[in-house]
Structure formats: C-alpha cells, structure tokens
C-alpha atoms as a PDB file:
ATOM      1  CA  UNK A   1     161.546 -25.815 178.134  1.00  0.00           C
ATOM      2  CA  UNK A   2     165.241 -26.552 177.799  1.00  0.00           C
ATOM      3  CA  UNK A   3     167.141 -27.186 180.996  1.00  0.00           C
ATOM      4  CA  UNK A   4     170.439 -28.607 182.159  1.00  0.00           C
ATOM      5  CA  UNK A   5     170.679 -32.371 182.654  1.00  0.00           C
ATOM      6  CA  UNK A   6     172.765 -34.815 184.617  1.00  0.00           C
ATOM      7  CA  UNK A   7     175.540 -34.719 182.010  1.00  0.00           C
ATOM      8  CA  UNK A   8     175.792 -30.925 182.078  1.00  0.00           C
ATOM      9  CA  UNK A   9     174.095 -29.789 185.283  1.00  0.00           C
ATOM     10  CA  UNK A  10     175.367 -26.193 185.160  1.00  0.00           C
ATOM     11  CA  UNK A  11     175.737 -24.806 181.657  1.00  0.00           C
ATOM     12  CA  UNK A  12     176.779 -21.347 182.809  1.00  0.00           C
ATOM     13  CA  UNK A  13     179.578 -22.825 184.913  1.00  0.00           C
ATOM     14  CA  UNK A  14     180.639 -24.960 181.958  1.00  0.00           C
ATOM     15  CA  UNK A  15     180.734 -21.926 179.668  1.00  0.00           C
ATOM     16  CA  UNK A  16     182.715 -19.939 182.230  1.00  0.00           C
ATOM     17  CA  UNK A  17     185.225 -22.788 182.502  1.00  0.00           C
ATOM     18  CA  UNK A  18     185.592 -23.093 178.718  1.00  0.00           C
ATOM     19  CA  UNK A  19     186.020 -19.341 178.390  1.00  0.00           C
ATOM     20  CA  UNK A  20     188.652 -19.361 181.148  1.00  0.00           C
ATOM     21  CA  UNK A  21     190.728 -21.590 178.876  1.00  0.00           C
ATOM     22  CA  UNK A  22     190.507 -19.076 176.058  1.00  0.00           C
ATOM     23  CA  UNK A  23     188.031 -21.210 174.120  1.00  0.00           C
ATOM     24  CA  UNK A  24     184.486 -20.759 172.829  1.00  0.00           C
ATOM     25  CA  UNK A  25     181.422 -22.916 173.493  1.00  0.00           C
ATOM     26  CA  UNK A  26     178.865 -24.050 170.946  1.00  0.00           C
ATOM     27  CA  UNK A  27     175.456 -25.697 171.132  1.00  0.00           C
ATOM     28  CA  UNK A  28     173.188 -27.548 168.704  1.00  0.00           C
ATOM     29  CA  UNK A  29     169.498 -27.165 167.940  1.00  0.00           C
ATOM     30  CA  UNK A  30     166.917 -27.320 165.156  1.00  0.00           C
ATOM     31  CA  UNK A  31     164.080 -25.123 163.868  1.00  0.00           C
ATOM     32  CA  UNK A  32     161.894 -28.223 164.214  1.00  0.00           C
ATOM     33  CA  UNK A  33     160.320 -29.768 167.317  1.00  0.00           C
ATOM     34  CA  UNK A  34     163.246 -32.208 167.573  1.00  0.00           C
ATOM     35  CA  UNK A  35     166.874 -32.403 166.501  1.00  0.00           C
ATOM     36  CA  UNK A  36     168.363 -35.222 164.437  1.00  0.00           C
ATOM     37  CA  UNK A  37     169.158 -36.967 167.721  1.00  0.00           C
ATOM     38  CA  UNK A  38     165.528 -36.606 168.860  1.00  0.00           C
ATOM     39  CA  UNK A  39     166.246 -34.034 171.542  1.00  0.00           C
ATOM     40  CA  UNK A  40     164.125 -30.921 171.934  1.00  0.00           C
ATOM     41  CA  UNK A  41     164.386 -28.430 169.079  1.00  0.00           C
ATOM     42  CA  UNK A  42     163.525 -24.733 169.050  1.00  0.00           C
ATOM     43  CA  UNK A  43     160.243 -24.843 167.133  1.00  0.00           C
ATOM     44  CA  UNK A  44     157.973 -22.016 168.371  1.00  0.00           C
ATOM     45  CA  UNK A  45     160.488 -21.314 171.178  1.00  0.00           C
ATOM     46  CA  UNK A  46     163.200 -19.535 169.199  1.00  0.00           C
ATOM     47  CA  UNK A  47     163.467 -16.427 171.363  1.00  0.00           C
ATOM     48  CA  UNK A  48     163.188 -18.407 174.578  1.00  0.00           C
ATOM     49  CA  UNK A  49     166.031 -20.686 173.499  1.00  0.00           C
ATOM     50  CA  UNK A  50     168.211 -17.851 172.199  1.00  0.00           C
ATOM     51  CA  UNK A  51     167.772 -15.981 175.479  1.00  0.00           C
ATOM     52  CA  UNK A  52     168.747 -19.108 177.391  1.00  0.00           C
ATOM     53  CA  UNK A  53     171.832 -19.663 175.236  1.00  0.00           C
ATOM     54  CA  UNK A  54     172.862 -16.060 175.818  1.00  0.00           C
ATOM     55  CA  UNK A  55     172.386 -16.393 179.589  1.00  0.00           C
ATOM     56  CA  UNK A  56     174.609 -19.460 179.571  1.00  0.00           C
ATOM     57  CA  UNK A  57     177.319 -17.670 177.551  1.00  0.00           C
ATOM     58  CA  UNK A  58     177.027 -19.675 174.348  1.00  0.00           C
ATOM     59  CA  UNK A  59     179.224 -18.444 171.484  1.00  0.00           C
ATOM     60  CA  UNK A  60     178.160 -20.646 168.567  1.00  0.00           C
ATOM     61  CA  UNK A  61     174.870 -22.168 167.439  1.00  0.00           C
ATOM     62  CA  UNK A  62     174.658 -24.987 164.915  1.00  0.00           C
ATOM     63  CA  UNK A  63     171.079 -25.000 163.644  1.00  0.00           C
ATOM     64  CA  UNK A  64     170.115 -28.229 161.864  1.00  0.00           C
ATOM     65  CA  UNK A  65     167.058 -28.468 159.615  1.00  0.00           C
ATOM     66  CA  UNK A  66     166.354 -32.111 160.584  1.00  0.00           C
ATOM     67  CA  UNK A  67     163.173 -31.789 162.628  1.00  0.00           C
ATOM     68  CA  UNK A  68     161.683 -29.056 160.452  1.00  0.00           C
ATOM     69  CA  UNK A  69     161.461 -31.042 157.222  1.00  0.00           C
ATOM     70  CA  UNK A  70     158.152 -32.703 158.108  1.00  0.00           C
ATOM     71  CA  UNK A  71     156.651 -29.290 158.871  1.00  0.00           C
ATOM     72  CA  UNK A  72     157.846 -27.914 155.532  1.00  0.00           C
ATOM     73  CA  UNK A  73     156.263 -30.842 153.685  1.00  0.00           C
ATOM     74  CA  UNK A  74     153.024 -30.640 155.632  1.00  0.00           C
ATOM     75  CA  UNK A  75     152.644 -26.885 155.201  1.00  0.00           C
ATOM     76  CA  UNK A  76     153.460 -26.894 151.471  1.00  0.00           C
ATOM     77  CA  UNK A  77     152.797 -30.384 150.067  1.00  0.00           C
ATOM     78  CA  UNK A  78     154.170 -30.802 146.564  1.00  0.00           C
ATOM     79  CA  UNK A  79     155.423 -27.206 146.530  1.00  0.00           C
ATOM     80  CA  UNK A  80     159.220 -27.279 146.690  1.00  0.00           C
ATOM     81  CA  UNK A  81     159.534 -23.507 146.362  1.00  0.00           C
ATOM     82  CA  UNK A  82     157.071 -23.032 149.201  1.00  0.00           C
ATOM     83  CA  UNK A  83     158.943 -25.510 151.356  1.00  0.00           C
ATOM     84  CA  UNK A  84     162.210 -23.693 150.712  1.00  0.00           C
ATOM     85  CA  UNK A  85     160.633 -20.348 151.638  1.00  0.00           C
ATOM     86  CA  UNK A  86     159.525 -21.831 154.945  1.00  0.00           C
ATOM     87  CA  UNK A  87     163.027 -23.185 155.546  1.00  0.00           C
ATOM     88  CA  UNK A  88     164.617 -19.798 154.926  1.00  0.00           C
ATOM     89  CA  UNK A  89     162.060 -18.070 157.144  1.00  0.00           C
ATOM     90  CA  UNK A  90     162.771 -20.518 159.973  1.00  0.00           C
ATOM     91  CA  UNK A  91     166.509 -19.861 159.755  1.00  0.00           C
ATOM     92  CA  UNK A  92     165.952 -16.096 159.619  1.00  0.00           C
ATOM     93  CA  UNK A  93     163.684 -16.282 162.674  1.00  0.00           C
ATOM     94  CA  UNK A  94     166.408 -17.768 164.844  1.00  0.00           C
ATOM     95  CA  UNK A  95     168.920 -15.251 163.548  1.00  0.00           C
ATOM     96  CA  UNK A  96     166.641 -12.433 164.659  1.00  0.00           C
ATOM     97  CA  UNK A  97     166.202 -14.108 168.036  1.00  0.00           C
ATOM     98  CA  UNK A  98     169.993 -14.201 168.443  1.00  0.00           C
ATOM     99  CA  UNK A  99     170.246 -10.526 167.556  1.00  0.00           C
ATOM    100  CA  UNK A 100     167.565  -9.721 170.104  1.00  0.00           C
ATOM    101  CA  UNK A 101     169.686 -11.212 172.894  1.00  0.00           C
ATOM    102  CA  UNK A 102     172.473  -8.701 172.321  1.00  0.00           C
ATOM    103  CA  UNK A 103     175.070 -11.476 172.654  1.00  0.00           C
ATOM    104  CA  UNK A 104     177.365 -12.154 169.678  1.00  0.00           C
ATOM    105  CA  UNK A 105     177.019 -15.736 168.450  1.00  0.00           C
ATOM    106  CA  UNK A 106     178.353 -17.447 165.371  1.00  0.00           C
ATOM    107  CA  UNK A 107     175.387 -18.871 163.481  1.00  0.00           C
ATOM    108  CA  UNK A 108     175.905 -22.095 161.501  1.00  0.00           C
ATOM    109  CA  UNK A 109     173.256 -23.683 159.267  1.00  0.00           C
ATOM    110  CA  UNK A 110     173.055 -27.378 158.462  1.00  0.00           C
ATOM    111  CA  UNK A 111     170.727 -28.671 155.732  1.00  0.00           C
ATOM    112  CA  UNK A 112     173.060 -30.472 153.317  1.00  0.00           C
ATOM    113  CA  UNK A 113     173.172 -27.684 150.722  1.00  0.00           C
ATOM    114  CA  UNK A 114     169.558 -27.829 149.536  1.00  0.00           C
ATOM    115  CA  UNK A 115     168.147 -25.010 147.442  1.00  0.00           C
ATOM    116  CA  UNK A 116     171.664 -23.678 146.755  1.00  0.00           C
ATOM    117  CA  UNK A 117     172.053 -22.430 150.323  1.00  0.00           C
ATOM    118  CA  UNK A 118     175.276 -20.622 149.432  1.00  0.00           C
ATOM    119  CA  UNK A 119     173.214 -18.087 147.466  1.00  0.00           C
ATOM    120  CA  UNK A 120     170.918 -17.061 150.333  1.00  0.00           C
ATOM    121  CA  UNK A 121     172.471 -18.129 153.649  1.00  0.00           C
ATOM    122  CA  UNK A 122     174.038 -14.710 154.343  1.00  0.00           C
ATOM    123  CA  UNK A 123     170.648 -13.082 153.833  1.00  0.00           C
ATOM    124  CA  UNK A 124     169.162 -15.096 156.713  1.00  0.00           C
ATOM    125  CA  UNK A 125     172.092 -14.210 158.967  1.00  0.00           C
ATOM    126  CA  UNK A 126     174.316 -17.269 158.637  1.00  0.00           C
ATOM    127  CA  UNK A 127     178.046 -17.091 159.165  1.00  0.00           C
ATOM    128  CA  UNK A 128     178.683 -20.576 157.775  1.00  0.00           C
ATOM    129  CA  UNK A 129     176.642 -23.358 156.234  1.00  0.00           C
ATOM    130  CA  UNK A 130     176.759 -26.941 155.012  1.00  0.00           C
ATOM    131  CA  UNK A 131     177.005 -27.329 151.232  1.00  0.00           C
ATOM    132  CA  UNK A 132     176.708 -31.130 150.928  1.00  0.00           C
ATOM    133  CA  UNK A 133     175.336 -34.198 152.600  1.00  0.00           C
ATOM    134  CA  UNK A 134     177.419 -36.242 155.022  1.00  0.00           C
ATOM    135  CA  UNK A 135     180.805 -37.562 154.019  1.00  0.00           C
ATOM    136  CA  UNK A 136     181.597 -41.263 154.180  1.00  0.00           C
ATOM    137  CA  UNK A 137     184.989 -42.754 155.116  1.00  0.00           C
ATOM    138  CA  UNK A 138     186.078 -43.522 151.560  1.00  0.00           C
ATOM    139  CA  UNK A 139     187.982 -41.624 148.897  1.00  0.00           C
ATOM    140  CA  UNK A 140     185.240 -41.808 146.265  1.00  0.00           C
ATOM    141  CA  UNK A 141     182.890 -39.856 148.521  1.00  0.00           C
ATOM    142  CA  UNK A 142     185.593 -37.325 149.420  1.00  0.00           C
ATOM    143  CA  UNK A 143     186.362 -36.837 145.706  1.00  0.00           C
ATOM    144  CA  UNK A 144     182.683 -36.504 144.826  1.00  0.00           C
ATOM    145  CA  UNK A 145     182.153 -33.855 147.496  1.00  0.00           C
ATOM    146  CA  UNK A 146     185.284 -31.983 146.477  1.00  0.00           C
ATOM    147  CA  UNK A 147     184.203 -31.844 142.836  1.00  0.00           C
ATOM    148  CA  UNK A 148     180.712 -30.734 143.806  1.00  0.00           C
ATOM    149  CA  UNK A 149     182.221 -27.545 145.246  1.00  0.00           C
ATOM    150  CA  UNK A 150     183.459 -26.342 141.858  1.00  0.00           C
ATOM    151  CA  UNK A 151     182.278 -22.796 141.250  1.00  0.00           C
ATOM    152  CA  UNK A 152     181.241 -22.123 144.845  1.00  0.00           C
ATOM    153  CA  UNK A 153     184.403 -20.371 146.026  1.00  0.00           C
ATOM    154  CA  UNK A 154     182.980 -16.985 145.029  1.00  0.00           C
ATOM    155  CA  UNK A 155     180.329 -17.342 147.749  1.00  0.00           C
ATOM    156  CA  UNK A 156     182.879 -17.599 150.542  1.00  0.00           C
ATOM    157  CA  UNK A 157     184.496 -14.598 152.192  1.00  0.00           C
ATOM    158  CA  UNK A 158     186.268 -13.279 155.304  1.00  0.00           C
ATOM    159  CA  UNK A 159     183.104 -13.318 157.404  1.00  0.00           C
ATOM    160  CA  UNK A 160     181.519 -16.452 155.992  1.00  0.00           C
ATOM    161  CA  UNK A 161     182.447 -20.060 155.466  1.00  0.00           C
ATOM    162  CA  UNK A 162     181.135 -23.082 153.609  1.00  0.00           C
ATOM    163  CA  UNK A 163     181.402 -26.536 155.137  1.00  0.00           C
ATOM    164  CA  UNK A 164     181.727 -29.085 152.346  1.00  0.00           C
ATOM    165  CA  UNK A 165     182.074 -32.132 154.553  1.00  0.00           C
ATOM    166  CA  UNK A 166     180.839 -33.630 157.773  1.00  0.00           C
ATOM    167  CA  UNK A 167     181.903 -37.024 159.070  1.00  0.00           C
ATOM    168  CA  UNK A 168     180.442 -39.300 161.702  1.00  0.00           C
ATOM    169  CA  UNK A 169     183.091 -41.968 161.079  1.00  0.00           C
ATOM    170  CA  UNK A 170     186.737 -42.316 161.943  1.00  0.00           C
ATOM    171  CA  UNK A 171     188.856 -42.194 158.800  1.00  0.00           C
ATOM    172  CA  UNK A 172     192.443 -43.188 158.226  1.00  0.00           C
ATOM    173  CA  UNK A 173     194.837 -40.298 158.688  1.00  0.00           C
ATOM    174  CA  UNK A 174     195.560 -40.046 154.939  1.00  0.00           C
ATOM    175  CA  UNK A 175     191.857 -39.675 154.184  1.00  0.00           C
ATOM    176  CA  UNK A 176     191.439 -37.154 156.957  1.00  0.00           C
ATOM    177  CA  UNK A 177     194.256 -35.107 155.419  1.00  0.00           C
ATOM    178  CA  UNK A 178     192.584 -35.262 151.987  1.00  0.00           C
ATOM    179  CA  UNK A 179     189.282 -34.151 153.541  1.00  0.00           C
ATOM    180  CA  UNK A 180     190.866 -31.200 155.340  1.00  0.00           C
ATOM    181  CA  UNK A 181     192.812 -30.270 152.197  1.00  0.00           C
ATOM    182  CA  UNK A 182     189.643 -30.284 150.102  1.00  0.00           C
ATOM    183  CA  UNK A 183     187.981 -27.916 152.551  1.00  0.00           C
ATOM    184  CA  UNK A 184     191.053 -25.665 152.778  1.00  0.00           C
ATOM    185  CA  UNK A 185     191.378 -25.343 148.993  1.00  0.00           C
ATOM    186  CA  UNK A 186     187.745 -24.357 148.640  1.00  0.00           C
ATOM    187  CA  UNK A 187     188.064 -21.847 151.467  1.00  0.00           C
ATOM    188  CA  UNK A 188     191.298 -20.296 150.213  1.00  0.00           C
ATOM    189  CA  UNK A 189     190.303 -19.684 146.596  1.00  0.00           C
ATOM    190  CA  UNK A 190     188.216 -16.516 147.012  1.00  0.00           C
ATOM    191  CA  UNK A 191     190.991 -14.354 148.494  1.00  0.00           C
ATOM    192  CA  UNK A 192     190.583 -11.720 145.760  1.00  0.00           C
ATOM    193  CA  UNK A 193     186.884 -11.424 146.361  1.00  0.00           C
ATOM    194  CA  UNK A 194     186.028  -7.977 147.663  1.00  0.00           C
ATOM    195  CA  UNK A 195     182.507  -8.471 148.922  1.00  0.00           C
ATOM    196  CA  UNK A 196     181.818 -10.260 152.184  1.00  0.00           C
ATOM    197  CA  UNK A 197     178.624 -11.090 153.991  1.00  0.00           C
ATOM    198  CA  UNK A 198     179.121 -10.333 157.688  1.00  0.00           C
ATOM    199  CA  UNK A 199     176.236 -11.309 159.936  1.00  0.00           C
ATOM    200  CA  UNK A 200     174.978  -8.884 162.522  1.00  0.00           C
ATOM    201  CA  UNK A 201     174.896 -11.814 164.931  1.00  0.00           C
ATOM    202  CA  UNK A 202     178.668 -11.664 165.278  1.00  0.00           C
ATOM    203  CA  UNK A 203     178.954  -7.930 165.704  1.00  0.00           C
END
C-alpha cells in the first residue's frame, strides 16, 4: 500500500498548497512492481493507486515502464509482439483506473519510444509520451534525438504531446536552449493537422 512518508507526510495538504498557488501537482509510478528508482509501483494495484492519487488531488501521472519490462519478458519470452501487447494493456489498465476515479488527470507515458509509441499511445489514453531514450549533455546526442523525430510531427496535436528528450544532467545554457528549441520545433510543426487525440482522462 502506498502511504505518505517523512518527506511528504500529508500529500493532500501538499496538493492543496500547490493548487493555492495556481499550480498543478504530478506524481510518478510504474505498471511494474517497482519504479526505476526502486520505489513501489502500481502492479496489480492500479485502481487502488489511482483512487489514492485522486483523493490527494493529483493532476498529472507519469507512468514509467521500468519495472514492468521483466514481467513482459517473462510472460512472453522471445515474443516481441506479445511483450508489446502486454505493455499496451498495462498502460490502458491504468488509464481506465484514472477514468474510474472521476478526477481529471494528465496521463504521461515513459518507455523511450519503443514499438512506435506515437502510433498507439492515444489509444491507451495517453496525453503525452516519450519518443526517445534519455538525452545526454552533449550536442551530438541532442542532434541525434532531434533528427530521430523527423516524420513524427503528424502524430502530435492540440490534446497530445511528444517528449523527445529527458535529461538527468545539468547542461550548459546554450545546450539547454538547443534542447528546448528541438522540442518546440517538433511540437509546432503539426499546426495544420485537423485530427487530435484527446484523452477522456483529461475531460
């Protein structure tokens, strides 16, 4: 069972405080037993966790595949298509759990762009999703990620977003500007696109 800890002893009070400042509050979990940081994930407790997030007043859930990969491999050894079906089902399960709470939440998927996530993420309820692996604090990696986004602008829209980069390192300001510019260009290109993929989770 998830519960508050000594760092955040009262999550509802924290959410109320954040909301009082006109801001939104997000939280992080995984469809697996553990997150990337080895904290408790939502595996087999999706509805319980979604209900708890809603009771706290959470507005945004980042859902990271990390801890679910071993389960995918174990359930469908040597079957990449089968593993991907299990991944999509796990993401869809949490989306349904969010809907069941009745609280609007932005739903963000993180799995480094495997299985061309941009083609199916809206179908499992996602509002935004990672399209690449982690960025590194060097221009070659930024350039490589930027070029890898060619042709993907058509999958973005007013109610969705693709996240081409994610950094755990502090970069020089010029590199940070290039990173943000790369993301902005990719996000701005599909302005003429008529079709969008709104998720019921944000209604």
